[in-house]
Amino acid sequence: MTIRQVCDELSVTLRALRFYEAQGLVAPKREPRRRFYYTTDVERLRAIMRLKSVRLSLREIRELLQHRAMGLMG
């Protein structure tokens, strides 16, 4: 998916997605002037949005996602 498609799918702004990328929370495939998000990227962003909605800090979200990636969470 393109960044615009992800924005539409998740109802977030381009700025928010770029911010999460800059923070190292997601890493879409990049080509000159384009970003491509795979299903795993979109699911990770969904998780970020859910965790953000329960008022977790970006540090806490990053830690939870790292544990999840290591298979320590369900």
N, C-alpha and C. Protein backbone atom coordinates (compact mmCIF):
# COMPACT_ATOMS: atom_id res chain seq x y z
N MET A 1 0.85 -1.18 0.00
CA MET A 1 0.00 0.00 0.00
C MET A 1 0.89 1.24 0.00
N THR A 2 0.38 2.28 -0.58
CA THR A 2 1.10 3.55 -0.54
C THR A 2 0.79 4.27 0.76
N ILE A 3 1.55 5.30 1.07
CA ILE A 3 1.32 6.05 2.30
C ILE A 3 -0.08 6.66 2.32
N ARG A 4 -0.55 7.11 1.18
CA ARG A 4 -1.90 7.69 1.09
C ARG A 4 -2.96 6.63 1.38
N GLN A 5 -2.79 5.44 0.84
CA GLN A 5 -3.75 4.36 1.09
C GLN A 5 -3.78 3.97 2.57
N VAL A 6 -2.61 3.95 3.20
CA VAL A 6 -2.55 3.63 4.63
C VAL A 6 -3.24 4.72 5.44
N CYS A 7 -3.02 5.97 5.08
CA CYS A 7 -3.69 7.08 5.77
C CYS A 7 -5.21 6.91 5.68
N ASP A 8 -5.69 6.60 4.52
CA ASP A 8 -7.13 6.41 4.33
C ASP A 8 -7.63 5.20 5.12
N GLU A 9 -6.89 4.11 5.07
CA GLU A 9 -7.28 2.88 5.76
C GLU A 9 -7.36 3.07 7.27
N LEU A 10 -6.38 3.79 7.84
CA LEU A 10 -6.30 3.94 9.29
C LEU A 10 -6.83 5.27 9.82
N SER A 11 -7.26 6.12 8.92
CA SER A 11 -7.76 7.45 9.29
C SER A 11 -6.72 8.24 10.10
N VAL A 12 -5.50 8.27 9.57
CA VAL A 12 -4.43 9.05 10.18
C VAL A 12 -3.85 9.99 9.13
N THR A 13 -3.10 10.97 9.57
CA THR A 13 -2.52 11.94 8.65
C THR A 13 -1.18 11.45 8.10
N LEU A 14 -0.78 12.04 6.99
CA LEU A 14 0.55 11.77 6.43
C LEU A 14 1.61 12.13 7.46
N ARG A 15 1.40 13.24 8.13
CA ARG A 15 2.36 13.70 9.13
C ARG A 15 2.54 12.66 10.24
N ALA A 16 1.44 12.06 10.68
CA ALA A 16 1.52 11.05 11.74
C ALA A 16 2.32 9.83 11.27
N LEU A 17 2.05 9.36 10.08
CA LEU A 17 2.80 8.20 9.58
C LEU A 17 4.27 8.51 9.44
N ARG A 18 4.59 9.69 8.93
CA ARG A 18 6.00 10.08 8.81
C ARG A 18 6.66 10.20 10.19
N PHE A 19 5.90 10.69 11.16
CA PHE A 19 6.42 10.80 12.53
C PHE A 19 6.74 9.41 13.09
N TYR A 20 5.82 8.46 12.94
CA TYR A 20 6.06 7.11 13.44
C TYR A 20 7.26 6.48 12.75
N GLU A 21 7.42 6.77 11.47
CA GLU A 21 8.58 6.28 10.74
C GLU A 21 9.86 6.92 11.29
N ALA A 22 9.84 8.21 11.51
CA ALA A 22 11.01 8.92 12.04
C ALA A 22 11.39 8.42 13.44
N GLN A 23 10.39 7.99 14.20
CA GLN A 23 10.62 7.47 15.55
C GLN A 23 11.08 6.02 15.53
N GLY A 24 11.12 5.41 14.35
CA GLY A 24 11.58 4.03 14.23
C GLY A 24 10.52 2.99 14.57
N LEU A 25 9.25 3.42 14.64
CA LEU A 25 8.18 2.48 14.98
C LEU A 25 7.73 1.66 13.78
N VAL A 26 7.89 2.18 12.59
CA VAL A 26 7.61 1.44 11.37
C VAL A 26 8.71 1.75 10.36
N ALA A 27 8.92 0.83 9.45
CA ALA A 27 9.96 1.01 8.44
C ALA A 27 9.46 0.49 7.09
N PRO A 28 8.63 1.28 6.41
CA PRO A 28 8.13 0.83 5.11
C PRO A 28 9.26 0.76 4.09
N LYS A 29 9.03 -0.02 3.07
CA LYS A 29 9.99 -0.09 1.97
C LYS A 29 10.00 1.28 1.29
N ARG A 30 11.18 1.78 1.01
CA ARG A 30 11.27 3.10 0.40
C ARG A 30 11.93 3.00 -0.97
N GLU A 31 11.34 3.71 -1.89
CA GLU A 31 11.93 3.90 -3.20
C GLU A 31 11.98 5.41 -3.38
N PRO A 32 12.72 5.88 -4.35
CA PRO A 32 12.78 7.33 -4.51
C PRO A 32 11.37 7.94 -4.56
N ARG A 33 11.10 8.82 -3.62
CA ARG A 33 9.86 9.58 -3.55
C ARG A 33 8.61 8.75 -3.23
N ARG A 34 8.76 7.49 -2.81
CA ARG A 34 7.59 6.66 -2.48
C ARG A 34 7.88 5.76 -1.30
N ARG A 35 6.84 5.48 -0.54
CA ARG A 35 6.90 4.52 0.56
C ARG A 35 5.87 3.44 0.27
N PHE A 36 6.22 2.20 0.55
CA PHE A 36 5.30 1.09 0.36
C PHE A 36 5.16 0.34 1.67
N TYR A 37 3.93 0.21 2.13
CA TYR A 37 3.63 -0.45 3.39
C TYR A 37 3.07 -1.84 3.10
N TYR A 38 3.65 -2.83 3.75
CA TYR A 38 3.15 -4.20 3.64
C TYR A 38 2.10 -4.43 4.72
N THR A 39 1.40 -5.55 4.63
CA THR A 39 0.36 -5.88 5.59
C THR A 39 0.91 -5.84 7.02
N THR A 40 2.11 -6.33 7.21
CA THR A 40 2.71 -6.32 8.55
C THR A 40 2.92 -4.90 9.06
N ASP A 41 3.29 -3.98 8.17
CA ASP A 41 3.46 -2.57 8.55
C ASP A 41 2.12 -1.98 8.98
N VAL A 42 1.07 -2.28 8.23
CA VAL A 42 -0.26 -1.74 8.53
C VAL A 42 -0.76 -2.31 9.86
N GLU A 43 -0.54 -3.60 10.10
CA GLU A 43 -0.95 -4.20 11.37
C GLU A 43 -0.17 -3.59 12.53
N ARG A 44 1.09 -3.33 12.33
CA ARG A 44 1.90 -2.68 13.36
C ARG A 44 1.35 -1.28 13.65
N LEU A 45 1.00 -0.55 12.60
CA LEU A 45 0.41 0.78 12.80
C LEU A 45 -0.93 0.70 13.52
N ARG A 46 -1.72 -0.32 13.22
CA ARG A 46 -3.00 -0.52 13.94
C ARG A 46 -2.72 -0.72 15.44
N ALA A 47 -1.71 -1.52 15.73
CA ALA A 47 -1.34 -1.76 17.12
C ALA A 47 -0.89 -0.46 17.78
N ILE A 48 -0.11 0.33 17.08
CA ILE A 48 0.35 1.63 17.61
C ILE A 48 -0.85 2.51 17.93
N MET A 49 -1.81 2.55 17.03
CA MET A 49 -2.99 3.41 17.24
C MET A 49 -3.80 2.92 18.44
N ARG A 50 -3.94 1.60 18.60
CA ARG A 50 -4.66 1.06 19.76
C ARG A 50 -3.93 1.41 21.06
N LEU A 51 -2.63 1.23 21.07
CA LEU A 51 -1.85 1.52 22.28
C LEU A 51 -1.86 3.00 22.60
N LYS A 52 -1.81 3.81 21.56
CA LYS A 52 -1.87 5.26 21.75
C LYS A 52 -3.23 5.66 22.33
N SER A 53 -4.29 4.97 21.93
CA SER A 53 -5.63 5.31 22.41
C SER A 53 -5.81 5.04 23.90
N VAL A 54 -4.96 4.17 24.47
CA VAL A 54 -5.00 3.93 25.91
C VAL A 54 -3.92 4.74 26.63
N ARG A 55 -3.44 5.75 25.93
CA ARG A 55 -2.53 6.77 26.48
C ARG A 55 -1.15 6.26 26.88
N LEU A 56 -0.65 5.27 26.15
CA LEU A 56 0.72 4.84 26.40
C LEU A 56 1.67 5.82 25.71
N SER A 57 2.84 6.00 26.28
CA SER A 57 3.85 6.87 25.68
C SER A 57 4.49 6.15 24.50
N LEU A 58 5.18 6.90 23.66
CA LEU A 58 5.87 6.27 22.52
C LEU A 58 6.95 5.31 23.02
N ARG A 59 7.59 5.64 24.13
CA ARG A 59 8.59 4.74 24.71
C ARG A 59 7.95 3.41 25.10
N GLU A 60 6.79 3.49 25.76
CA GLU A 60 6.08 2.27 26.17
C GLU A 60 5.61 1.48 24.96
N ILE A 61 5.12 2.16 23.96
CA ILE A 61 4.66 1.50 22.73
C ILE A 61 5.83 0.80 22.06
N ARG A 62 6.97 1.48 21.96
CA ARG A 62 8.15 0.89 21.34
C ARG A 62 8.57 -0.38 22.09
N GLU A 63 8.57 -0.32 23.42
CA GLU A 63 8.95 -1.48 24.22
C GLU A 63 7.99 -2.65 24.00
N LEU A 64 6.70 -2.36 24.01
CA LEU A 64 5.71 -3.42 23.78
C LEU A 64 5.86 -4.04 22.40
N LEU A 65 6.09 -3.22 21.40
CA LEU A 65 6.25 -3.74 20.04
C LEU A 65 7.52 -4.57 19.92
N GLN A 66 8.58 -4.18 20.61
CA GLN A 66 9.81 -4.96 20.59
C GLN A 66 9.59 -6.33 21.24
N HIS A 67 8.88 -6.35 22.38
CA HIS A 67 8.59 -7.62 23.04
C HIS A 67 7.72 -8.49 22.14
N ARG A 68 6.75 -7.87 21.50
CA ARG A 68 5.86 -8.61 20.59
C ARG A 68 6.65 -9.22 19.44
N ALA A 69 7.59 -8.43 18.88
CA ALA A 69 8.38 -8.90 17.75
C ALA A 69 9.29 -10.07 18.17
N MET A 70 9.69 -10.07 19.43
CA MET A 70 10.55 -11.15 19.93
C MET A 70 9.73 -12.37 20.34
N GLY A 71 8.39 -12.27 20.21
CA GLY A 71 7.54 -13.41 20.52
C GLY A 71 7.21 -13.54 22.00
N LEU A 72 7.44 -12.47 22.77
CA LEU A 72 7.17 -12.54 24.19
C LEU A 72 5.74 -12.16 24.54
N MET A 73 5.03 -11.63 23.58
CA MET A 73 3.62 -11.30 23.80
C MET A 73 2.77 -12.15 22.87
N GLY A 74 1.52 -12.37 23.26
CA GLY A 74 0.53 -13.14 22.49
C GLY A 74 0.52 -12.81 21.08
